[in-house]
C-alpha cells in the first residue's frame, strides 16, 4: 500500500505517546489522519499540528466508536489504515498484601479498554474497508495495526489484568487476519517493550536510565518514532500479515 497515495487513516490514542508518533508519521507521509482519543485538549493540538482531525472517542463504547468513524469518514473519506494505540496500564495483584482479592471491576475495565476496545475499533474499521475498492494490484483494501505489549508474554507481578488484555490482542491477530483475508484487509500487531511514553516520561531521569539499562540492546528506552517506523513497514510491505512482532530490544521482563 502506498502511504503517499492520499489515503485516510485513523489512530486511536493519537493524542500522545505511540499514537501521536504514528499520527505524525502518517501525516508526514501524505495521509489524511483522524485522531481518536479521550483527551480533547491534547488531541485537538496534535490534529491541528498535522493538519488532521480529532474526535473524542471512548474505544470501549461501541456507539462512541461508530460515531467516531462516521466523523472521520465525513472529514477524510474511508480510512485505509487503522492503528489502535489506545489503552491503559493499570496494575493490581491477584491478591494484595492485605489478603484482598483483585477488584473484578478493575480487571473488567482493563480488558474492556485494551482488548474489547481494540476489537471494537478494528472490526468497525474492517467493515468500512471491505466495502471500498481495492487500492493496489494485490487487491488490498486496508490495514489494521493493533498494539499488544511484551506483557502479553512476560507479564510482571501486578499485571494479571493488563497481561490478559494484551495477550488477547496478540491472540486475535491471526484469526482476524484469516477472517479478513477474503476482503483484502491485513491485520498485524506490535508488542512494544519499554518505550518513552507519557507514563515513563513522568519518572525522574535516573529512573528512566535505570529502566533503559534493562534492555539488552540498544540499552535505552524505545522512542515512539520507532514504533511508528514499524507501522510504516506494515503499510508498505504487503507480505506482512497476521504478524505479532516484539519491538523490545530483546528484553524479557523480570517478575518485577
C-alpha atoms as a PDB file:
ATOM      1  CA  UNK A   1       0.000   0.000   0.000  1.00  0.00           C
ATOM      2  CA  UNK A   2       1.321   3.445  -0.932  1.00  0.00           C
ATOM      3  CA  UNK A   3       1.205   5.832   2.011  1.00  0.00           C
ATOM      4  CA  UNK A   4       1.665   8.857  -0.232  1.00  0.00           C
ATOM      5  CA  UNK A   5      -1.395   7.999  -2.331  1.00  0.00           C
ATOM      6  CA  UNK A   6      -3.624  10.410  -0.392  1.00  0.00           C
ATOM      7  CA  UNK A   7      -5.115   7.696   1.810  1.00  0.00           C
ATOM      8  CA  UNK A   8      -7.080   8.262   5.015  1.00  0.00           C
ATOM      9  CA  UNK A   9      -6.013   6.845   8.379  1.00  0.00           C
ATOM     10  CA  UNK A  10      -7.397   6.579  11.907  1.00  0.00           C
ATOM     11  CA  UNK A  11      -5.207   6.359  15.013  1.00  0.00           C
ATOM     12  CA  UNK A  12      -6.667   5.662  18.448  1.00  0.00           C
ATOM     13  CA  UNK A  13      -4.758   7.061  21.399  1.00  0.00           C
ATOM     14  CA  UNK A  14      -3.289   9.528  18.920  1.00  0.00           C
ATOM     15  CA  UNK A  15      -3.058  12.414  21.376  1.00  0.00           C
ATOM     16  CA  UNK A  16       0.184  11.178  22.955  1.00  0.00           C
ATOM     17  CA  UNK A  17       2.920   8.558  23.016  1.00  0.00           C
ATOM     18  CA  UNK A  18       2.931   5.785  20.422  1.00  0.00           C
ATOM     19  CA  UNK A  19      -0.304   7.002  18.852  1.00  0.00           C
ATOM     20  CA  UNK A  20       0.893  10.573  18.473  1.00  0.00           C
ATOM     21  CA  UNK A  21       4.153   9.455  16.860  1.00  0.00           C
ATOM     22  CA  UNK A  22       2.160   7.276  14.468  1.00  0.00           C
ATOM     23  CA  UNK A  23      -0.274  10.054  13.591  1.00  0.00           C
ATOM     24  CA  UNK A  24       2.639  12.388  12.860  1.00  0.00           C
ATOM     25  CA  UNK A  25       4.388   9.776  10.713  1.00  0.00           C
ATOM     26  CA  UNK A  26       1.250   9.096   8.704  1.00  0.00           C
ATOM     27  CA  UNK A  27       0.557  12.782   8.123  1.00  0.00           C
ATOM     28  CA  UNK A  28       4.168  13.440   7.126  1.00  0.00           C
ATOM     29  CA  UNK A  29       3.863  10.590   4.619  1.00  0.00           C
ATOM     30  CA  UNK A  30       0.838  12.166   2.977  1.00  0.00           C
ATOM     31  CA  UNK A  31      -2.115  10.545   4.751  1.00  0.00           C
ATOM     32  CA  UNK A  32      -5.217  12.343   5.986  1.00  0.00           C
ATOM     33  CA  UNK A  33      -5.314  11.443   9.677  1.00  0.00           C
ATOM     34  CA  UNK A  34      -8.135  11.322  12.211  1.00  0.00           C
ATOM     35  CA  UNK A  35      -7.192  11.001  15.868  1.00  0.00           C
ATOM     36  CA  UNK A  36      -9.469   9.199  18.319  1.00  0.00           C
ATOM     37  CA  UNK A  37      -8.727   9.949  21.975  1.00  0.00           C
ATOM     38  CA  UNK A  38     -10.387  10.918  25.245  1.00  0.00           C
ATOM     39  CA  UNK A  39      -8.024  13.851  25.829  1.00  0.00           C
ATOM     40  CA  UNK A  40      -9.656  16.646  23.862  1.00  0.00           C
ATOM     41  CA  UNK A  41      -7.056  19.343  24.512  1.00  0.00           C
ATOM     42  CA  UNK A  42      -4.058  17.231  23.525  1.00  0.00           C
ATOM     43  CA  UNK A  43      -5.902  15.542  20.674  1.00  0.00           C
ATOM     44  CA  UNK A  44      -7.024  18.818  19.152  1.00  0.00           C
ATOM     45  CA  UNK A  45      -3.498  20.192  19.441  1.00  0.00           C
ATOM     46  CA  UNK A  46      -1.914  17.245  17.637  1.00  0.00           C
ATOM     47  CA  UNK A  47      -4.624  17.193  14.961  1.00  0.00           C
ATOM     48  CA  UNK A  48      -4.152  20.909  14.321  1.00  0.00           C
ATOM     49  CA  UNK A  49      -0.393  20.497  14.124  1.00  0.00           C
ATOM     50  CA  UNK A  50      -0.564  17.726  11.499  1.00  0.00           C
ATOM     51  CA  UNK A  51      -3.492  19.099   9.515  1.00  0.00           C
ATOM     52  CA  UNK A  52      -5.765  16.262  10.601  1.00  0.00           C
ATOM     53  CA  UNK A  53      -8.947  15.983  12.635  1.00  0.00           C
ATOM     54  CA  UNK A  54      -9.813  14.967  16.169  1.00  0.00           C
ATOM     55  CA  UNK A  55     -12.803  13.043  17.519  1.00  0.00           C
ATOM     56  CA  UNK A  56     -13.377  12.322  21.193  1.00  0.00           C
ATOM     57  CA  UNK A  57     -13.938   8.557  21.284  1.00  0.00           C
ATOM     58  CA  UNK A  58     -14.271   6.023  24.082  1.00  0.00           C
ATOM     59  CA  UNK A  59     -12.972   2.859  22.413  1.00  0.00           C
ATOM     60  CA  UNK A  60     -14.767   0.651  24.941  1.00  0.00           C
ATOM     61  CA  UNK A  61     -18.138   2.075  23.810  1.00  0.00           C
ATOM     62  CA  UNK A  62     -19.428   0.635  20.529  1.00  0.00           C
ATOM     63  CA  UNK A  63     -21.609   3.635  19.746  1.00  0.00           C
ATOM     64  CA  UNK A  64     -18.842   6.112  20.518  1.00  0.00           C
ATOM     65  CA  UNK A  65     -16.548   4.251  18.113  1.00  0.00           C
ATOM     66  CA  UNK A  66     -19.237   4.208  15.422  1.00  0.00           C
ATOM     67  CA  UNK A  67     -19.770   7.958  15.795  1.00  0.00           C
ATOM     68  CA  UNK A  68     -16.022   8.488  15.628  1.00  0.00           C
ATOM     69  CA  UNK A  69     -15.722   6.610  12.348  1.00  0.00           C
ATOM     70  CA  UNK A  70     -18.692   8.481  10.906  1.00  0.00           C
ATOM     71  CA  UNK A  71     -16.998  11.796  11.721  1.00  0.00           C
ATOM     72  CA  UNK A  72     -13.595  10.666  10.452  1.00  0.00           C
ATOM     73  CA  UNK A  73     -15.016   9.378   7.175  1.00  0.00           C
ATOM     74  CA  UNK A  74     -17.019  12.571   6.667  1.00  0.00           C
ATOM     75  CA  UNK A  75     -13.806  14.559   7.046  1.00  0.00           C
ATOM     76  CA  UNK A  76     -11.322  12.361   5.178  1.00  0.00           C
ATOM     77  CA  UNK A  77     -13.117   9.546   3.399  1.00  0.00           C
ATOM     78  CA  UNK A  78     -12.852   5.822   4.106  1.00  0.00           C
ATOM     79  CA  UNK A  79      -9.770   5.029   6.158  1.00  0.00           C
ATOM     80  CA  UNK A  80      -7.358   2.513   4.638  1.00  0.00           C
ATOM     81  CA  UNK A  81      -5.099   2.351   7.689  1.00  0.00           C
ATOM     82  CA  UNK A  82      -6.293   1.955  11.276  1.00  0.00           C
ATOM     83  CA  UNK A  83      -3.813   1.852  14.155  1.00  0.00           C
ATOM     84  CA  UNK A  84      -5.069   1.091  17.665  1.00  0.00           C
ATOM     85  CA  UNK A  85      -2.855   2.606  20.373  1.00  0.00           C
ATOM     86  CA  UNK A  86      -5.489   3.497  22.982  1.00  0.00           C
ATOM     87  CA  UNK A  87      -5.062   1.605  26.235  1.00  0.00           C
ATOM     88  CA  UNK A  88      -4.424   1.680  29.973  1.00  0.00           C
ATOM     89  CA  UNK A  89      -1.690   0.146  32.092  1.00  0.00           C
ATOM     90  CA  UNK A  90      -3.332  -0.168  35.494  1.00  0.00           C
ATOM     91  CA  UNK A  91      -1.820  -2.731  37.845  1.00  0.00           C
ATOM     92  CA  UNK A  92      -3.061  -4.732  40.826  1.00  0.00           C
ATOM     93  CA  UNK A  93      -2.030  -8.049  42.359  1.00  0.00           C
ATOM     94  CA  UNK A  94      -4.292 -11.082  42.135  1.00  0.00           C
ATOM     95  CA  UNK A  95      -4.405 -10.960  45.947  1.00  0.00           C
ATOM     96  CA  UNK A  96      -2.961  -7.876  47.642  1.00  0.00           C
ATOM     97  CA  UNK A  97      -0.708  -7.770  50.709  1.00  0.00           C
ATOM     98  CA  UNK A  98      -3.742  -7.483  52.971  1.00  0.00           C
ATOM     99  CA  UNK A  99      -5.292 -10.627  51.501  1.00  0.00           C
ATOM    100  CA  UNK A 100      -7.926  -8.847  49.414  1.00  0.00           C
ATOM    101  CA  UNK A 101      -8.794 -10.337  46.033  1.00  0.00           C
ATOM    102  CA  UNK A 102      -8.309  -8.333  42.851  1.00  0.00           C
ATOM    103  CA  UNK A 103     -11.218  -5.982  42.169  1.00  0.00           C
ATOM    104  CA  UNK A 104     -13.170  -7.713  39.365  1.00  0.00           C
ATOM    105  CA  UNK A 105     -14.453  -4.350  38.187  1.00  0.00           C
ATOM    106  CA  UNK A 106     -10.910  -3.111  37.632  1.00  0.00           C
ATOM    107  CA  UNK A 107      -9.987  -6.301  35.773  1.00  0.00           C
ATOM    108  CA  UNK A 108     -13.064  -5.941  33.563  1.00  0.00           C
ATOM    109  CA  UNK A 109     -12.279  -2.273  32.877  1.00  0.00           C
ATOM    110  CA  UNK A 110      -8.729  -3.052  31.762  1.00  0.00           C
ATOM    111  CA  UNK A 111      -9.958  -5.789  29.433  1.00  0.00           C
ATOM    112  CA  UNK A 112     -12.800  -3.569  28.216  1.00  0.00           C
ATOM    113  CA  UNK A 113     -10.451  -0.796  27.109  1.00  0.00           C
ATOM    114  CA  UNK A 114      -7.392  -2.727  25.966  1.00  0.00           C
ATOM    115  CA  UNK A 115      -8.962  -5.792  24.384  1.00  0.00           C
ATOM    116  CA  UNK A 116     -12.630  -5.156  23.697  1.00  0.00           C
ATOM    117  CA  UNK A 117     -11.874  -1.550  22.746  1.00  0.00           C
ATOM    118  CA  UNK A 118      -9.230  -2.699  20.294  1.00  0.00           C
ATOM    119  CA  UNK A 119     -11.645  -5.181  18.738  1.00  0.00           C
ATOM    120  CA  UNK A 120     -14.432  -2.557  18.609  1.00  0.00           C
ATOM    121  CA  UNK A 121     -12.214  -0.257  16.578  1.00  0.00           C
ATOM    122  CA  UNK A 122     -10.664  -2.948  14.389  1.00  0.00           C
ATOM    123  CA  UNK A 123     -13.947  -4.620  13.471  1.00  0.00           C
ATOM    124  CA  UNK A 124     -15.674  -1.342  12.623  1.00  0.00           C
ATOM    125  CA  UNK A 125     -12.691  -0.206  10.564  1.00  0.00           C
ATOM    126  CA  UNK A 126     -12.757  -3.518   8.688  1.00  0.00           C
ATOM    127  CA  UNK A 127     -16.468  -3.171   7.968  1.00  0.00           C
ATOM    128  CA  UNK A 128     -15.809   0.130   6.225  1.00  0.00           C
ATOM    129  CA  UNK A 129     -12.688  -1.048   4.429  1.00  0.00           C
ATOM    130  CA  UNK A 130     -14.255  -4.161   2.919  1.00  0.00           C
ATOM    131  CA  UNK A 131     -16.914  -2.084   1.186  1.00  0.00           C
ATOM    132  CA  UNK A 132     -14.281   0.084  -0.519  1.00  0.00           C
ATOM    133  CA  UNK A 133     -12.488  -0.560  -3.803  1.00  0.00           C
ATOM    134  CA  UNK A 134      -9.026  -2.168  -3.793  1.00  0.00           C
ATOM    135  CA  UNK A 135      -6.046   0.187  -3.823  1.00  0.00           C
ATOM    136  CA  UNK A 136      -3.308  -1.945  -5.380  1.00  0.00           C
ATOM    137  CA  UNK A 137      -2.614  -4.905  -7.655  1.00  0.00           C
ATOM    138  CA  UNK A 138      -2.921  -7.358  -4.744  1.00  0.00           C
ATOM    139  CA  UNK A 139      -6.493  -6.263  -4.128  1.00  0.00           C
ATOM    140  CA  UNK A 140      -5.648  -4.613  -0.808  1.00  0.00           C
ATOM    141  CA  UNK A 141      -8.455  -2.681   0.810  1.00  0.00           C
ATOM    142  CA  UNK A 142      -6.871  -1.765   4.107  1.00  0.00           C
ATOM    143  CA  UNK A 143      -4.554  -2.451   7.012  1.00  0.00           C
ATOM    144  CA  UNK A 144      -5.201  -2.750  10.735  1.00  0.00           C
ATOM    145  CA  UNK A 145      -2.305  -2.499  13.190  1.00  0.00           C
ATOM    146  CA  UNK A 146      -3.054  -3.328  16.825  1.00  0.00           C
ATOM    147  CA  UNK A 147      -0.946  -2.728  19.920  1.00  0.00           C
ATOM    148  CA  UNK A 148      -0.205  -5.518  22.367  1.00  0.00           C
ATOM    149  CA  UNK A 149       2.771  -5.469  24.769  1.00  0.00           C
ATOM    150  CA  UNK A 150       5.633  -7.681  25.848  1.00  0.00           C
ATOM    151  CA  UNK A 151       3.449  -8.152  28.938  1.00  0.00           C
ATOM    152  CA  UNK A 152       1.355 -10.463  26.753  1.00  0.00           C
ATOM    153  CA  UNK A 153       4.259 -12.910  27.067  1.00  0.00           C
ATOM    154  CA  UNK A 154       6.253 -11.681  30.104  1.00  0.00           C
ATOM    155  CA  UNK A 155       3.576 -10.323  32.439  1.00  0.00           C
ATOM    156  CA  UNK A 156       5.015  -8.956  35.673  1.00  0.00           C
ATOM    157  CA  UNK A 157       3.715  -9.018  39.239  1.00  0.00           C
ATOM    158  CA  UNK A 158       0.518  -6.970  39.374  1.00  0.00           C
ATOM    159  CA  UNK A 159      -0.125  -7.283  35.643  1.00  0.00           C
ATOM    160  CA  UNK A 160      -2.678 -10.100  35.513  1.00  0.00           C
ATOM    161  CA  UNK A 161      -5.364  -7.869  34.011  1.00  0.00           C
ATOM    162  CA  UNK A 162      -3.030  -5.951  31.735  1.00  0.00           C
ATOM    163  CA  UNK A 163      -1.216  -9.083  30.528  1.00  0.00           C
ATOM    164  CA  UNK A 164      -4.506 -10.862  29.881  1.00  0.00           C
ATOM    165  CA  UNK A 165      -5.806  -7.950  27.816  1.00  0.00           C
ATOM    166  CA  UNK A 166      -2.636  -7.699  25.739  1.00  0.00           C
ATOM    167  CA  UNK A 167      -2.382 -11.474  25.279  1.00  0.00           C
ATOM    168  CA  UNK A 168      -5.909 -11.288  23.914  1.00  0.00           C
ATOM    169  CA  UNK A 169      -4.836  -8.702  21.345  1.00  0.00           C
ATOM    170  CA  UNK A 170      -1.922 -10.889  20.255  1.00  0.00           C
ATOM    171  CA  UNK A 171      -4.138 -13.963  20.188  1.00  0.00           C
ATOM    172  CA  UNK A 172      -6.833 -12.491  17.963  1.00  0.00           C
ATOM    173  CA  UNK A 173      -4.367 -11.254  15.336  1.00  0.00           C
ATOM    174  CA  UNK A 174      -4.245 -14.489  13.299  1.00  0.00           C
ATOM    175  CA  UNK A 175      -7.975 -15.288  13.322  1.00  0.00           C
ATOM    176  CA  UNK A 176      -8.805 -11.691  12.416  1.00  0.00           C
ATOM    177  CA  UNK A 177      -6.301 -11.770   9.552  1.00  0.00           C
ATOM    178  CA  UNK A 178      -7.857 -15.032   8.347  1.00  0.00           C
ATOM    179  CA  UNK A 179     -11.377 -13.627   8.689  1.00  0.00           C
ATOM    180  CA  UNK A 180     -10.497 -10.557   6.629  1.00  0.00           C
ATOM    181  CA  UNK A 181      -8.226 -12.102   4.024  1.00  0.00           C
ATOM    182  CA  UNK A 182     -11.068 -12.553   1.553  1.00  0.00           C
ATOM    183  CA  UNK A 183     -11.664  -8.786   1.709  1.00  0.00           C
ATOM    184  CA  UNK A 184      -8.012  -7.912   1.148  1.00  0.00           C
ATOM    185  CA  UNK A 185      -7.526  -6.498   4.656  1.00  0.00           C
ATOM    186  CA  UNK A 186      -4.320  -7.256   6.544  1.00  0.00           C
ATOM    187  CA  UNK A 187      -4.066  -7.388  10.350  1.00  0.00           C
ATOM    188  CA  UNK A 188      -0.818  -7.120  12.305  1.00  0.00           C
ATOM    189  CA  UNK A 189       0.167  -6.439  15.904  1.00  0.00           C
ATOM    190  CA  UNK A 190       3.118  -4.723  17.563  1.00  0.00           C
ATOM    191  CA  UNK A 191       4.147  -5.797  21.079  1.00  0.00           C
ATOM    192  CA  UNK A 192       6.275  -2.920  22.407  1.00  0.00           C
ATOM    193  CA  UNK A 193       8.724  -3.233  25.276  1.00  0.00           C
ATOM    194  CA  UNK A 194       9.845  -0.258  27.354  1.00  0.00           C
ATOM    195  CA  UNK A 195       9.073   2.925  25.419  1.00  0.00           C
ATOM    196  CA  UNK A 196       9.359   6.567  26.378  1.00  0.00           C
ATOM    197  CA  UNK A 197       5.627   7.209  26.573  1.00  0.00           C
ATOM    198  CA  UNK A 198       3.997   9.821  28.851  1.00  0.00           C
ATOM    199  CA  UNK A 199       3.856   7.352  31.757  1.00  0.00           C
ATOM    200  CA  UNK A 200       7.635   6.829  31.711  1.00  0.00           C
ATOM    201  CA  UNK A 201       8.370  10.461  30.856  1.00  0.00           C
ATOM    202  CA  UNK A 202       6.920  11.350  34.250  1.00  0.00           C
ATOM    203  CA  UNK A 203       9.658   9.403  36.021  1.00  0.00           C
ATOM    204  CA  UNK A 204      12.935  11.024  37.121  1.00  0.00           C
ATOM    205  CA  UNK A 205      15.765  10.796  34.575  1.00  0.00           C
ATOM    206  CA  UNK A 206      17.641   8.384  36.832  1.00  0.00           C
ATOM    207  CA  UNK A 207      14.652   6.044  36.860  1.00  0.00           C
ATOM    208  CA  UNK A 208      14.318   6.283  33.080  1.00  0.00           C
ATOM    209  CA  UNK A 209      18.007   5.454  32.665  1.00  0.00           C
ATOM    210  CA  UNK A 210      17.671   2.504  35.042  1.00  0.00           C
ATOM    211  CA  UNK A 211      14.764   1.093  33.056  1.00  0.00           C
ATOM    212  CA  UNK A 212      16.589   1.626  29.779  1.00  0.00           C
ATOM    213  CA  UNK A 213      19.633  -0.209  31.117  1.00  0.00           C
ATOM    214  CA  UNK A 214      17.484  -3.346  31.486  1.00  0.00           C
ATOM    215  CA  UNK A 215      17.167  -3.558  27.695  1.00  0.00           C
ATOM    216  CA  UNK A 216      19.905  -5.823  26.250  1.00  0.00           C
ATOM    217  CA  UNK A 217      20.489  -3.754  23.095  1.00  0.00           C
ATOM    218  CA  UNK A 218      20.137  -0.954  22.493  1.00  0.00           C
ATOM    219  CA  UNK A 219      20.273  -0.292  26.247  1.00  0.00           C
ATOM    220  CA  UNK A 220      17.730   2.509  26.318  1.00  0.00           C
ATOM    221  CA  UNK A 221      14.021   3.174  26.249  1.00  0.00           C
ATOM    222  CA  UNK A 222      12.395   2.905  22.859  1.00  0.00           C
ATOM    223  CA  UNK A 223      11.386   6.095  21.082  1.00  0.00           C
ATOM    224  CA  UNK A 224       7.745   6.289  19.904  1.00  0.00           C
ATOM    225  CA  UNK A 225       9.038   7.167  16.436  1.00  0.00           C
ATOM    226  CA  UNK A 226      10.493   3.633  16.267  1.00  0.00           C
ATOM    227  CA  UNK A 227       7.022   2.204  16.838  1.00  0.00           C
ATOM    228  CA  UNK A 228       5.724   4.462  14.054  1.00  0.00           C
ATOM    229  CA  UNK A 229       8.512   3.246  11.767  1.00  0.00           C
ATOM    230  CA  UNK A 230       7.281  -0.326  12.151  1.00  0.00           C
ATOM    231  CA  UNK A 231       3.731   0.794  11.377  1.00  0.00           C
ATOM    232  CA  UNK A 232       5.058   2.280   8.145  1.00  0.00           C
ATOM    233  CA  UNK A 233       6.751  -1.010   7.270  1.00  0.00           C
ATOM    234  CA  UNK A 234       3.433  -2.798   7.775  1.00  0.00           C
ATOM    235  CA  UNK A 235       1.835  -0.338   5.357  1.00  0.00           C
ATOM    236  CA  UNK A 236       4.465  -0.702   2.667  1.00  0.00           C
ATOM    237  CA  UNK A 237       5.233  -4.436   2.887  1.00  0.00           C
ATOM    238  CA  UNK A 238       2.219  -6.337   1.642  1.00  0.00           C
ATOM    239  CA  UNK A 239       3.502  -9.718   2.795  1.00  0.00           C
ATOM    240  CA  UNK A 240       3.335  -8.702   6.444  1.00  0.00           C
ATOM    241  CA  UNK A 241       0.049 -10.194   7.562  1.00  0.00           C
ATOM    242  CA  UNK A 242      -1.014 -11.856  10.840  1.00  0.00           C
ATOM    243  CA  UNK A 243       2.358 -10.923  12.340  1.00  0.00           C
ATOM    244  CA  UNK A 244       2.855 -10.229  16.039  1.00  0.00           C
ATOM    245  CA  UNK A 245       6.218  -8.503  16.324  1.00  0.00           C
ATOM    246  CA  UNK A 246       8.010  -7.767  19.578  1.00  0.00           C
ATOM    247  CA  UNK A 247       9.604  -4.337  19.405  1.00  0.00           C
ATOM    248  CA  UNK A 248      11.678  -4.531  22.564  1.00  0.00           C
ATOM    249  CA  UNK A 249      15.468  -4.560  22.137  1.00  0.00           C
ATOM    250  CA  UNK A 250      15.485  -8.254  23.209  1.00  0.00           C
ATOM    251  CA  UNK A 251      14.194  -7.559  26.712  1.00  0.00           C
ATOM    252  CA  UNK A 252      12.423 -10.311  28.623  1.00  0.00           C
ATOM    253  CA  UNK A 253      10.669  -8.808  31.607  1.00  0.00           C
ATOM    254  CA  UNK A 254      11.617  -9.957  35.109  1.00  0.00           C
ATOM    255  CA  UNK A 255       8.850 -10.743  37.622  1.00  0.00           C
ATOM    256  CA  UNK A 256       9.083  -7.177  38.943  1.00  0.00           C
END
